[in-house]
PDB file of N, CA and C in Angstrom:
ATOM      1  N   MET A   1      66.419  30.431 137.646  1.00  0.00           N
ATOM      2  CA  MET A   1      65.281  31.889 138.347  1.00  0.00           C
ATOM      3  C   MET A   1      65.449  33.566 137.544  1.00  0.00           C
ATOM      4  N   THR A   2      64.550  33.915 137.498  1.00  0.00           N
ATOM      5  CA  THR A   2      64.132  34.863 135.791  1.00  0.00           C
ATOM      6  C   THR A   2      63.989  36.450 137.416  1.00  0.00           C
ATOM      7  N   SER A   3      65.178  37.093 136.963  1.00  0.00           N
ATOM      8  CA  SER A   3      64.820  38.424 137.652  1.00  0.00           C
ATOM      9  C   SER A   3      64.418  39.690 137.390  1.00  0.00           C
ATOM     10  N   LEU A   4      62.934  40.058 137.517  1.00  0.00           N
ATOM     11  CA  LEU A   4      62.152  41.160 136.356  1.00  0.00           C
ATOM     12  C   LEU A   4      63.378  42.152 136.645  1.00  0.00           C
ATOM     13  N   LYS A   5      63.419  42.964 135.845  1.00  0.00           N
ATOM     14  CA  LYS A   5      63.342  44.296 135.088  1.00  0.00           C
ATOM     15  C   LYS A   5      62.575  45.637 135.854  1.00  0.00           C
ATOM     16  N   PRO A   6      63.283  46.422 135.890  1.00  0.00           N
ATOM     17  CA  PRO A   6      62.374  48.069 136.377  1.00  0.00           C
ATOM     18  C   PRO A   6      61.770  48.397 135.002  1.00  0.00           C
ATOM     19  N   ASP A   7      61.172  48.456 135.047  1.00  0.00           N
ATOM     20  CA  ASP A   7      60.210  49.402 133.678  1.00  0.00           C
ATOM     21  C   ASP A   7      61.006  50.685 133.690  1.00  0.00           C
ATOM     22  N   PHE A   8      62.038  51.033 132.740  1.00  0.00           N
ATOM     23  CA  PHE A   8      62.890  52.093 131.800  1.00  0.00           C
ATOM     24  C   PHE A   8      61.785  53.474 132.114  1.00  0.00           C
ATOM     25  N   ARG A   9      60.753  52.984 131.033  1.00  0.00           N
ATOM     26  CA  ARG A   9      60.439  54.645 130.660  1.00  0.00           C
ATOM     27  C   ARG A   9      59.542  55.164 131.894  1.00  0.00           C
ATOM     28  N   GLU A  10      59.368  54.221 132.725  1.00  0.00           N
ATOM     29  CA  GLU A  10      58.713  54.672 134.524  1.00  0.00           C
ATOM     30  C   GLU A  10      60.109  55.602 135.425  1.00  0.00           C
ATOM     31  N   MET A  11      61.534  55.122 134.506  1.00  0.00           N
ATOM     32  CA  MET A  11      62.143  55.952 135.755  1.00  0.00           C
ATOM     33  C   MET A  11      62.769  57.181 135.022  1.00  0.00           C
ATOM     34  N   SER A  12      62.861  58.143 136.270  1.00  0.00           N
ATOM     35  CA  SER A  12      63.493  59.236 136.118  1.00  0.00           C
ATOM     36  C   SER A  12      65.019  59.172 135.693  1.00  0.00           C
ATOM     37  N   LEU A  13      65.363  60.230 134.367  1.00  0.00           N
ATOM     38  CA  LEU A  13      66.998  60.148 133.793  1.00  0.00           C
ATOM     39  C   LEU A  13      68.043  59.784 134.470  1.00  0.00           C
ATOM     40  N   HIS A  14      67.619  60.746 136.031  1.00  0.00           N
ATOM     41  CA  HIS A  14      68.685  60.064 136.977  1.00  0.00           C
ATOM     42  C   HIS A  14      68.523  58.507 137.070  1.00  0.00           C
ATOM     43  N   GLU A  15      67.760  58.103 137.529  1.00  0.00           N
ATOM     44  CA  GLU A  15      67.343  56.649 138.071  1.00  0.00           C
ATOM     45  C   GLU A  15      68.009  55.551 137.267  1.00  0.00           C
ATOM     46  N   LEU A  16      67.398  56.082 135.803  1.00  0.00           N
ATOM     47  CA  LEU A  16      67.812  55.451 134.557  1.00  0.00           C
ATOM     48  C   LEU A  16      69.331  55.501 134.659  1.00  0.00           C
ATOM     49  N   ARG A  17      70.299  56.857 134.889  1.00  0.00           N
ATOM     50  CA  ARG A  17      71.545  56.663 134.605  1.00  0.00           C
ATOM     51  C   ARG A  17      72.522  55.896 135.226  1.00  0.00           C
ATOM     52  N   ARG A  18      71.742  55.947 136.233  1.00  0.00           N
ATOM     53  CA  ARG A  18      72.670  55.209 137.905  1.00  0.00           C
ATOM     54  C   ARG A  18      72.354  53.862 137.706  1.00  0.00           C
ATOM     55  N   TYR A  19      71.481  53.311 137.061  1.00  0.00           N
ATOM     56  CA  TYR A  19      71.192  51.757 136.595  1.00  0.00           C
ATOM     57  C   TYR A  19      71.520  51.717 135.034  1.00  0.00           C
ATOM     58  N   VAL A  20      71.516  52.020 134.592  1.00  0.00           N
ATOM     59  CA  VAL A  20      72.439  51.694 133.115  1.00  0.00           C
ATOM     60  C   VAL A  20      74.296  51.916 133.916  1.00  0.00           C
ATOM     61  N   LEU A  21      74.828  52.710 134.838  1.00  0.00           N
ATOM     62  CA  LEU A  21      76.286  52.911 135.496  1.00  0.00           C
ATOM     63  C   LEU A  21      76.480  51.223 136.104  1.00  0.00           C
ATOM     64  N   ALA A  22      75.552  50.945 136.805  1.00  0.00           N
ATOM     65  CA  ALA A  22      75.385  49.906 137.563  1.00  0.00           C
ATOM     66  C   ALA A  22      75.364  48.389 136.895  1.00  0.00           C
ATOM     67  N   HIS A  23      74.682  48.460 135.456  1.00  0.00           N
ATOM     68  CA  HIS A  23      74.214  47.281 134.583  1.00  0.00           C
ATOM     69  C   HIS A  23      74.615  47.665 133.255  1.00  0.00           C
ATOM     70  N   ARG A  24      75.893  47.616 133.055  1.00  0.00           N
ATOM     71  CA  ARG A  24      76.143  48.420 132.001  1.00  0.00           C
ATOM     72  C   ARG A  24      76.664  47.321 130.877  1.00  0.00           C
ATOM     73  N   ASP A  25      75.994  45.983 130.930  1.00  0.00           N
ATOM     74  CA  ASP A  25      75.219  45.561 129.703  1.00  0.00           C
ATOM     75  C   ASP A  25      73.943  44.970 129.496  1.00  0.00           C
ATOM     76  N   ASP A  26      73.595  46.291 130.154  1.00  0.00           N
ATOM     77  CA  ASP A  26      71.730  46.213 130.064  1.00  0.00           C
ATOM     78  C   ASP A  26      71.719  46.523 128.237  1.00  0.00           C
ATOM     79  N   SER A  27      71.371  45.926 127.122  1.00  0.00           N
ATOM     80  CA  SER A  27      71.151  46.597 126.357  1.00  0.00           C
ATOM     81  C   SER A  27      69.653  47.325 126.098  1.00  0.00           C
ATOM     82  N   GLU A  28      68.611  47.074 126.899  1.00  0.00           N
ATOM     83  CA  GLU A  28      67.289  47.167 126.587  1.00  0.00           C
ATOM     84  C   GLU A  28      67.269  49.028 127.407  1.00  0.00           C
ATOM     85  N   ALA A  29      68.353  48.916 128.370  1.00  0.00           N
ATOM     86  CA  ALA A  29      68.790  49.992 129.404  1.00  0.00           C
ATOM     87  C   ALA A  29      68.963  51.515 129.500  1.00  0.00           C
ATOM     88  N   TRP A  30      70.324  50.714 128.467  1.00  0.00           N
ATOM     89  CA  TRP A  30      71.069  51.847 126.946  1.00  0.00           C
ATOM     90  C   TRP A  30      70.335  52.480 126.103  1.00  0.00           C
ATOM     91  N   GLN A  31      69.605  51.510 125.798  1.00  0.00           N
ATOM     92  CA  GLN A  31      69.055  51.860 124.511  1.00  0.00           C
ATOM     93  C   GLN A  31      67.596  52.786 124.953  1.00  0.00           C
ATOM     94  N   GLU A  32      67.406  52.774 125.539  1.00  0.00           N
ATOM     95  CA  GLU A  32      66.072  53.915 127.063  1.00  0.00           C
ATOM     96  C   GLU A  32      66.625  54.837 127.682  1.00  0.00           C
ATOM     97  N   PHE A  33      67.764  54.612 127.660  1.00  0.00           N
ATOM     98  CA  PHE A  33      68.562  56.238 127.897  1.00  0.00           C
ATOM     99  C   PHE A  33      69.246  56.763 126.993  1.00  0.00           C
ATOM    100  N   THR A  34      69.811  56.358 125.536  1.00  0.00           N
ATOM    101  CA  THR A  34      69.604  56.782 124.991  1.00  0.00           C
ATOM    102  C   THR A  34      68.503  57.634 123.152  1.00  0.00           C
ATOM    103  N   ASP A  35      67.934  57.132 124.095  1.00  0.00           N
ATOM    104  CA  ASP A  35      66.869  57.739 123.307  1.00  0.00           C
ATOM    105  C   ASP A  35      65.853  59.094 124.173  1.00  0.00           C
ATOM    106  N   ARG A  36      65.983  58.984 125.612  1.00  0.00           N
ATOM    107  CA  ARG A  36      65.498  59.975 125.892  1.00  0.00           C
ATOM    108  C   ARG A  36      66.328  61.468 125.560  1.00  0.00           C
ATOM    109  N   GLU A  37      64.854  62.634 125.797  1.00  0.00           N
ATOM    110  CA  GLU A  37      65.218  64.217 125.618  1.00  0.00           C
ATOM    111  C   GLU A  37      65.850  64.046 126.358  1.00  0.00           C
ATOM    112  N   ARG A  38      66.665  65.043 125.924  1.00  0.00           N
ATOM    113  CA  ARG A  38      67.513  65.938 127.149  1.00  0.00           C
ATOM    114  C   ARG A  38      67.108  67.695 127.255  1.00  0.00           C
ATOM    115  N   PRO A  39      66.554  68.259 127.976  1.00  0.00           N
ATOM    116  CA  PRO A  39      65.734  69.256 127.881  1.00  0.00           C
ATOM    117  C   PRO A  39      67.001  70.279 127.889  1.00  0.00           C
ATOM    118  N   ASN A  40      68.048  70.276 128.529  1.00  0.00           N
ATOM    119  CA  ASN A  40      69.255  71.334 128.322  1.00  0.00           C
ATOM    120  C   ASN A  40      69.858  71.123 127.338  1.00  0.00           C
ATOM    121  N   ALA A  41      70.008  70.431 126.289  1.00  0.00           N
ATOM    122  CA  ALA A  41      70.980  69.790 125.311  1.00  0.00           C
ATOM    123  C   ALA A  41      70.859  70.565 124.481  1.00  0.00           C
ATOM    124  N   ILE A  42      71.608  71.593 123.670  1.00  0.00           N
ATOM    125  CA  ILE A  42      71.803  72.050 122.352  1.00  0.00           C
ATOM    126  C   ILE A  42      72.379  71.301 121.466  1.00  0.00           C
ATOM    127  N   TYR A  43      71.181  71.324 120.500  1.00  0.00           N
ATOM    128  CA  TYR A  43      71.343  70.935 119.264  1.00  0.00           C
ATOM    129  C   TYR A  43      72.123  72.077 118.162  1.00  0.00           C
ATOM    130  N   PHE A  44      73.258  71.703 117.290  1.00  0.00           N
ATOM    131  CA  PHE A  44      73.344  72.088 116.323  1.00  0.00           C
ATOM    132  C   PHE A  44      73.259  71.449 114.802  1.00  0.00           C
ATOM    133  N   ASP A  45      73.060  72.113 113.697  1.00  0.00           N
ATOM    134  CA  ASP A  45      71.931  71.439 112.123  1.00  0.00           C
ATOM    135  C   ASP A  45      73.227  70.471 112.133  1.00  0.00           C
ATOM    136  N   ALA A  46      73.265  69.606 111.520  1.00  0.00           N
ATOM    137  CA  ALA A  46      74.619  68.769 110.773  1.00  0.00           C
ATOM    138  C   ALA A  46      75.648  68.944 110.013  1.00  0.00           C
ATOM    139  N   ASP A  47      74.747  69.630 109.102  1.00  0.00           N
ATOM    140  CA  ASP A  47      75.715  70.357 108.518  1.00  0.00           C
ATOM    141  C   ASP A  47      76.250  71.963 108.551  1.00  0.00           C
ATOM    142  N   MET A  48      76.281  71.915 109.860  1.00  0.00           N
ATOM    143  CA  MET A  48      77.340  73.329 110.072  1.00  0.00           C
ATOM    144  C   MET A  48      78.259  72.849 110.670  1.00  0.00           C
ATOM    145  N   PRO A  49      79.013  73.777 109.757  1.00  0.00           N
ATOM    146  CA  PRO A  49      81.056  73.552 109.962  1.00  0.00           C
ATOM    147  C   PRO A  49      81.266  73.738 111.771  1.00  0.00           C
ATOM    148  N   LEU A  50      82.504  72.444 112.190  1.00  0.00           N
ATOM    149  CA  LEU A  50      82.917  72.801 113.253  1.00  0.00           C
ATOM    150  C   LEU A  50      82.985  73.511 113.904  1.00  0.00           C
ATOM    151  N   ALA A  51      83.809  74.753 112.814  1.00  0.00           N
ATOM    152  CA  ALA A  51      84.375  76.467 113.355  1.00  0.00           C
ATOM    153  C   ALA A  51      83.238  76.863 113.955  1.00  0.00           C
ATOM    154  N   GLU A  52      82.268  76.387 113.206  1.00  0.00           N
ATOM    155  CA  GLU A  52      80.612  77.727 113.239  1.00  0.00           C
ATOM    156  C   GLU A  52      79.953  77.006 115.053  1.00  0.00           C
ATOM    157  N   GLN A  53      80.599  75.829 115.051  1.00  0.00           N
ATOM    158  CA  GLN A  53      79.808  75.337 116.296  1.00  0.00           C
ATOM    159  C   GLN A  53      80.408  75.571 117.830  1.00  0.00           C
ATOM    160  N   GLN A  54      81.603  76.308 117.563  1.00  0.00           N
ATOM    161  CA  GLN A  54      82.538  75.852 118.548  1.00  0.00           C
ATOM    162  C   GLN A  54      82.213  77.495 119.350  1.00  0.00           C
ATOM    163  N   VAL A  55      81.832  78.388 117.937  1.00  0.00           N
ATOM    164  CA  VAL A  55      81.710  79.876 118.421  1.00  0.00           C
ATOM    165  C   VAL A  55      80.680  79.634 118.754  1.00  0.00           C
ATOM    166  N   LYS A  56      80.160  78.956 118.750  1.00  0.00           N
ATOM    167  CA  LYS A  56      78.010  79.560 119.150  1.00  0.00           C
ATOM    168  C   LYS A  56      78.731  78.596 120.571  1.00  0.00           C
ATOM    169  N   LEU A  57      79.487  77.644 120.514  1.00  0.00           N
ATOM    170  CA  LEU A  57      79.375  77.145 122.488  1.00  0.00           C
ATOM    171  C   LEU A  57      80.222  77.894 123.092  1.00  0.00           C
ATOM    172  N   GLN A  58      80.943  78.412 122.353  1.00  0.00           N
ATOM    173  CA  GLN A  58      82.210  79.523 123.176  1.00  0.00           C
ATOM    174  C   GLN A  58      81.149  80.573 123.709  1.00  0.00           C
ATOM    175  N   GLU A  59      80.390  81.371 123.125  1.00  0.00           N
ATOM    176  CA  GLU A  59      79.432  81.992 123.469  1.00  0.00           C
ATOM    177  C   GLU A  59      78.079  82.000 124.356  1.00  0.00           C
ATOM    178  N   LEU A  60      78.161  80.862 123.857  1.00  0.00           N
ATOM    179  CA  LEU A  60      76.905  80.060 125.640  1.00  0.00           C
ATOM    180  C   LEU A  60      78.163  80.259 126.300  1.00  0.00           C
ATOM    181  N   LEU A  61      78.825  79.588 126.562  1.00  0.00           N
ATOM    182  CA  LEU A  61      79.132  79.580 127.881  1.00  0.00           C
ATOM    183  C   LEU A  61      79.933  81.013 128.517  1.00  0.00           C
ATOM    184  N   GLU A  62      80.058  81.587 127.685  1.00  0.00           N
ATOM    185  CA  GLU A  62      80.381  83.740 128.518  1.00  0.00           C
ATOM    186  C   GLU A  62      79.449  83.929 128.696  1.00  0.00           C
ATOM    187  N   ARG A  63      78.064  83.407 127.826  1.00  0.00           N
ATOM    188  CA  ARG A  63      76.776  84.523 128.462  1.00  0.00           C
ATOM    189  C   ARG A  63      76.248  83.754 129.656  1.00  0.00           C
ATOM    190  N   HIS A  64      76.703  82.297 130.226  1.00  0.00           N
ATOM    191  CA  HIS A  64      76.462  81.525 131.404  1.00  0.00           C
ATOM    192  C   HIS A  64      76.810  82.152 132.660  1.00  0.00           C
ATOM    193  N   ASP A  65      76.771  82.433 133.734  1.00  0.00           N
ATOM    194  CA  ASP A  65      77.265  82.538 134.962  1.00  0.00           C
ATOM    195  C   ASP A  65      76.580  82.027 135.906  1.00  0.00           C
ATOM    196  N   PRO A  66      77.720  80.992 136.463  1.00  0.00           N
ATOM    197  CA  PRO A  66      77.127  79.932 137.145  1.00  0.00           C
ATOM    198  C   PRO A  66      77.037  80.246 139.139  1.00  0.00           C
ATOM    199  N   THR A  67      77.574  81.698 139.153  1.00  0.00           N
ATOM    200  CA  THR A  67      77.103  82.695 140.323  1.00  0.00           C
ATOM    201  C   THR A  67      75.930  82.567 140.441  1.00  0.00           C
ATOM    202  N   GLU A  68      74.720  82.783 139.536  1.00  0.00           N
ATOM    203  CA  GLU A  68      73.501  82.879 139.860  1.00  0.00           C
ATOM    204  C   GLU A  68      72.885  82.073 139.870  1.00  0.00           C
ATOM    205  N   SER A  69      73.116  80.810 139.165  1.00  0.00           N
ATOM    206  CA  SER A  69      72.434  79.750 139.578  1.00  0.00           C
ATOM    207  C   SER A  69      72.625  79.598 141.437  1.00  0.00           C
ATOM    208  N   ASN A  70      73.368  79.718 141.836  1.00  0.00           N
ATOM    209  CA  ASN A  70      73.583  80.204 143.761  1.00  0.00           C
ATOM    210  C   ASN A  70      72.714  80.477 144.215  1.00  0.00           C
ATOM    211  N   ARG A  71      72.288  81.632 143.306  1.00  0.00           N
ATOM    212  CA  ARG A  71      71.230  82.306 144.159  1.00  0.00           C
ATOM    213  C   ARG A  71      69.756  81.817 144.391  1.00  0.00           C
TER     214      ARG A  71
END
């Protein structure tokens, strides 16, 4: 019996994440999940020293006020 896989490209990132967690050995789903862009991701140049990355991340955390997202 052949099972039909969902169209991973049509799934939202949230739906795809749930699918991957439920089907951890599905390499096709995993590949789609890892290929997706993350709109809230923060990227650093690969050659940026780790210490500088840590400073920049700390600055971002200090600027973020979690109480503002509840307004």
